[in-house]
Protein backbone atom coordinates (compact mmCIF):
# COMPACT_ATOMS: atom_id res chain seq x y z
CA MET A 1 27.25 -63.18 -14.94
CA ARG A 2 28.30 -60.74 -17.64
CA ARG A 3 24.71 -60.38 -18.81
CA PHE A 4 23.57 -59.60 -15.28
CA LEU A 5 26.30 -56.96 -14.85
CA LEU A 6 25.51 -55.47 -18.25
CA PHE A 7 21.77 -55.37 -17.50
CA SER A 8 22.38 -53.83 -14.04
CA SER A 9 24.73 -51.22 -15.52
CA MET A 10 22.22 -50.29 -18.21
CA LEU A 11 19.42 -50.02 -15.64
CA ILE A 12 21.50 -47.72 -13.40
CA LEU A 13 22.62 -45.64 -16.36
CA SER A 14 19.08 -45.24 -17.71
CA THR A 15 17.86 -44.15 -14.29
CA SER A 16 20.59 -41.54 -13.91
CA VAL A 17 20.32 -40.23 -17.49
CA TYR A 18 16.59 -39.61 -17.24
CA ALA A 19 16.76 -38.55 -13.57
CA GLN A 20 13.85 -40.77 -12.65
CA LYS A 21 13.47 -41.85 -9.05
CA MET A 22 13.29 -45.49 -8.05
CA GLU A 23 11.32 -46.64 -5.03
CA VAL A 24 11.35 -49.76 -2.88
CA GLU A 25 8.58 -50.61 -0.47
CA ILE A 26 7.47 -53.22 2.01
CA SER A 27 4.00 -53.55 3.51
CA TYR A 28 1.79 -55.87 5.51
CA GLY A 29 -1.96 -55.96 5.69
CA ALA A 30 -5.25 -57.67 6.31
CA PRO A 31 -6.34 -60.63 4.15
CA SER A 32 -7.06 -60.16 0.47
CA ILE A 33 -10.41 -60.72 -1.19
CA TYR A 34 -8.85 -63.94 -2.53
CA GLY A 35 -8.00 -65.01 1.05
CA VAL A 36 -11.45 -64.16 2.39
CA SER A 37 -13.12 -66.12 -0.42
CA GLU A 38 -10.74 -69.05 0.30
CA GLU A 39 -11.93 -69.07 3.92
CA ILE A 40 -15.61 -68.93 2.92
CA MET A 41 -15.26 -71.66 0.28
CA GLY A 42 -13.28 -73.81 2.73
CA SER A 43 -16.08 -73.52 5.30
CA ILE A 44 -18.72 -74.43 2.73
CA VAL A 45 -16.75 -77.43 1.41
CA SER A 46 -16.06 -78.61 4.95
CA ALA A 47 -19.74 -78.35 5.92
CA LEU A 48 -21.06 -80.05 2.77
CA SER A 49 -18.54 -82.89 2.69
CA SER A 50 -18.27 -83.41 6.46
CA SER A 51 -14.49 -83.27 6.12
CA ASP A 52 -11.98 -81.92 8.59
CA TYR A 53 -10.79 -78.83 6.70
CA SER A 54 -10.30 -75.22 7.78
CA ASN A 55 -8.09 -72.24 7.04
CA SER A 56 -7.73 -68.64 8.10
CA SER A 57 -5.68 -65.92 6.43
CA ASN A 58 -3.01 -64.28 8.58
CA GLY A 59 -2.42 -61.40 6.15
CA ILE A 60 -0.21 -60.47 3.23
CA LEU A 61 3.40 -59.37 3.02
CA ASN A 62 4.19 -57.30 -0.12
CA VAL A 63 7.51 -56.10 -1.49
CA ALA A 64 7.67 -53.80 -4.52
CA VAL A 65 10.17 -51.99 -6.71
CA ALA A 66 8.93 -49.09 -8.81
CA ARG A 67 10.06 -46.14 -10.85
CA PHE A 68 8.50 -42.67 -11.09
CA ASN A 69 8.15 -40.82 -14.37
CA ASP A 70 10.03 -37.54 -14.73
CA VAL A 71 7.20 -35.36 -13.29
CA MET A 72 6.51 -37.78 -10.39
CA LYS A 73 2.83 -38.32 -11.34
CA TRP A 74 3.09 -41.96 -12.49
CA ARG A 75 4.75 -44.81 -10.62
CA TYR A 76 5.23 -48.14 -12.37
CA GLY A 77 6.97 -51.30 -11.30
CA VAL A 78 6.53 -54.84 -10.05
CA GLU A 79 5.32 -56.23 -6.73
CA PHE A 80 5.70 -59.58 -5.03
CA GLY A 81 3.25 -60.80 -2.41
CA SER A 82 2.76 -63.72 -0.07
CA GLU A 83 -0.47 -64.42 1.80
CA PHE A 84 -0.09 -66.69 4.82
CA PHE A 85 -2.80 -69.02 6.14
CA SER A 86 -3.31 -70.95 9.37
CA THR A 87 -4.65 -74.40 8.55
CA SER A 88 -6.06 -77.38 10.40
CA GLY A 89 -7.38 -80.83 9.62
CA LYS A 90 -6.59 -82.45 6.29
CA LEU A 91 -5.24 -79.16 4.94
CA THR A 92 -1.69 -78.99 6.30
CA SER A 93 -0.37 -75.95 4.41
CA LEU A 94 -1.76 -73.13 2.26
CA ASN A 95 -0.01 -70.07 0.78
CA TYR A 96 -0.70 -67.61 -2.03
CA TYR A 97 2.28 -66.13 -3.90
CA SER A 98 1.85 -63.34 -6.42
CA ILE A 99 3.89 -61.35 -8.89
CA SER A 100 2.27 -58.41 -10.63
CA PRO A 101 3.32 -55.43 -12.73
CA LYS A 102 1.67 -52.33 -11.27
CA ILE A 103 0.98 -48.71 -12.15
CA ASP A 104 -0.13 -45.89 -9.84
CA TYR A 105 -1.28 -42.36 -10.56
CA PHE A 106 -0.65 -39.61 -7.98
CA TRP A 107 -3.45 -37.04 -7.69
CA SER A 108 -1.44 -34.51 -5.69
CA PRO A 109 1.71 -32.60 -6.71
CA PRO A 110 5.14 -34.14 -5.99
CA GLU A 111 6.24 -31.28 -3.73
CA ASN A 112 3.53 -32.17 -1.17
CA LYS A 113 4.50 -34.43 1.71
CA LEU A 114 0.94 -35.81 1.80
CA ARG A 115 0.09 -37.42 -1.54
CA PHE A 116 -2.94 -39.35 -2.73
CA TYR A 117 -2.84 -42.05 -5.40
CA SER A 118 -4.83 -44.74 -7.18
CA GLY A 119 -3.49 -47.79 -8.94
CA ILE A 120 -4.01 -51.07 -10.70
CA SER A 121 -2.02 -54.27 -11.07
CA THR A 122 -2.50 -57.54 -12.86
CA GLY A 123 -0.34 -60.61 -12.73
CA VAL A 124 -0.18 -64.20 -11.55
CA VAL A 125 -1.20 -65.74 -8.21
CA LEU A 126 0.12 -69.19 -7.30
CA ARG A 127 -1.94 -71.13 -4.76
CA ALA A 128 0.26 -73.76 -3.09
CA SER A 129 -1.43 -76.23 -0.76
CA LYS A 130 -0.67 -79.53 0.93
CA TYR A 131 -3.27 -82.07 2.05
CA TYR A 132 -3.01 -85.16 4.18
CA ASP A 133 -4.60 -88.14 2.45
CA GLN A 134 -5.78 -90.70 5.02
CA ASN A 135 -6.29 -93.40 2.39
CA THR A 136 -2.62 -93.43 1.38
CA SER A 137 -1.25 -91.99 4.65
CA SER A 138 0.76 -89.45 2.70
CA GLU A 139 0.86 -85.74 2.07
CA GLU A 140 -0.14 -84.51 -1.39
CA SER A 141 0.84 -81.16 -2.87
CA GLU A 142 -1.24 -79.08 -5.22
CA THR A 143 -0.34 -75.87 -7.06
CA ASP A 144 -2.85 -73.77 -8.97
CA THR A 145 -2.24 -70.65 -11.01
CA VAL A 146 -4.89 -67.94 -11.29
CA LEU A 147 -5.05 -64.44 -12.68
CA GLY A 148 -4.20 -61.85 -10.05
CA LEU A 149 -6.05 -58.55 -10.31
CA ASN A 150 -5.94 -55.64 -7.93
CA PHE A 151 -7.43 -52.16 -7.87
CA THR A 152 -6.33 -49.49 -5.39
CA PRO A 153 -9.08 -46.85 -5.32
CA LEU A 154 -7.26 -44.68 -2.78
CA GLY A 155 -3.82 -44.69 -1.21
CA ILE A 156 -2.21 -42.12 1.07
CA ARG A 157 1.56 -41.59 1.16
CA TYR A 158 3.17 -39.26 3.73
CA GLY A 159 6.81 -38.25 3.55
CA GLU A 160 9.47 -37.21 1.09
CA ASP A 161 12.11 -39.76 0.09
CA PHE A 162 11.35 -41.95 3.11
CA ALA A 163 7.58 -42.31 3.59
CA VAL A 164 4.80 -44.33 5.15
CA PHE A 165 1.68 -45.28 3.26
CA LEU A 166 -1.78 -46.71 3.82
CA ASP A 167 -3.96 -47.96 1.00
CA GLY A 168 -7.16 -49.85 0.41
CA ASN A 169 -7.36 -52.58 -2.20
CA ALA A 170 -9.82 -54.82 -3.99
CA GLY A 171 -8.14 -57.94 -5.31
CA ASN A 172 -5.09 -60.03 -4.52
CA LYS A 173 -3.42 -57.43 -2.25
CA ALA A 174 -4.43 -56.80 1.37
CA ILE A 175 -7.84 -55.14 1.75
CA VAL A 176 -6.05 -52.55 3.92
CA GLN A 177 -2.27 -52.42 4.04
CA LEU A 178 0.27 -50.28 5.86
CA GLY A 179 3.87 -49.97 4.78
CA ILE A 180 7.03 -47.95 4.30
CA ASN A 181 8.82 -46.95 1.13
CA TYR A 182 12.02 -45.22 0.15
CA ALA A 183 12.60 -43.29 -3.07
CA PHE A 184 16.12 -42.67 -4.36
């Protein structure tokens, strides 16, 4: 507990000494490229093996914590994501969980309410699935770990400390996501 309090105190102190803003955000969006490829591969496997297997992505929920540099051009932090799937047949459950360090570059000045940015993140994606095995009449779990990559070619943020944003992505984040963030 002492270590946690010491770490928290040092983090707060370093933020106030360097006058850097922190930001928290939450967003939801369309399926990721990973989710779309999961659906396509599931359809192909189901058709070729004549098995009862299907899934459909319901979208991704992302939560992130980031820090701006002193001139508000760079934002760096960590994001957590969860992609939800609807499943049927032998596949009883499927979820993707990700954790990724990220960095964004803002193309427009910090005094503008409307800001444009690009970014990149790389981390880990955990694929957790459960299957029903008819031979043993039991449910089997499987967890796979893959490299999570994401590129944000263009994002739009509107607001000052409290803002809304919309960005497009290629990778393990939603292809298009909408969210809110708060900088303090």
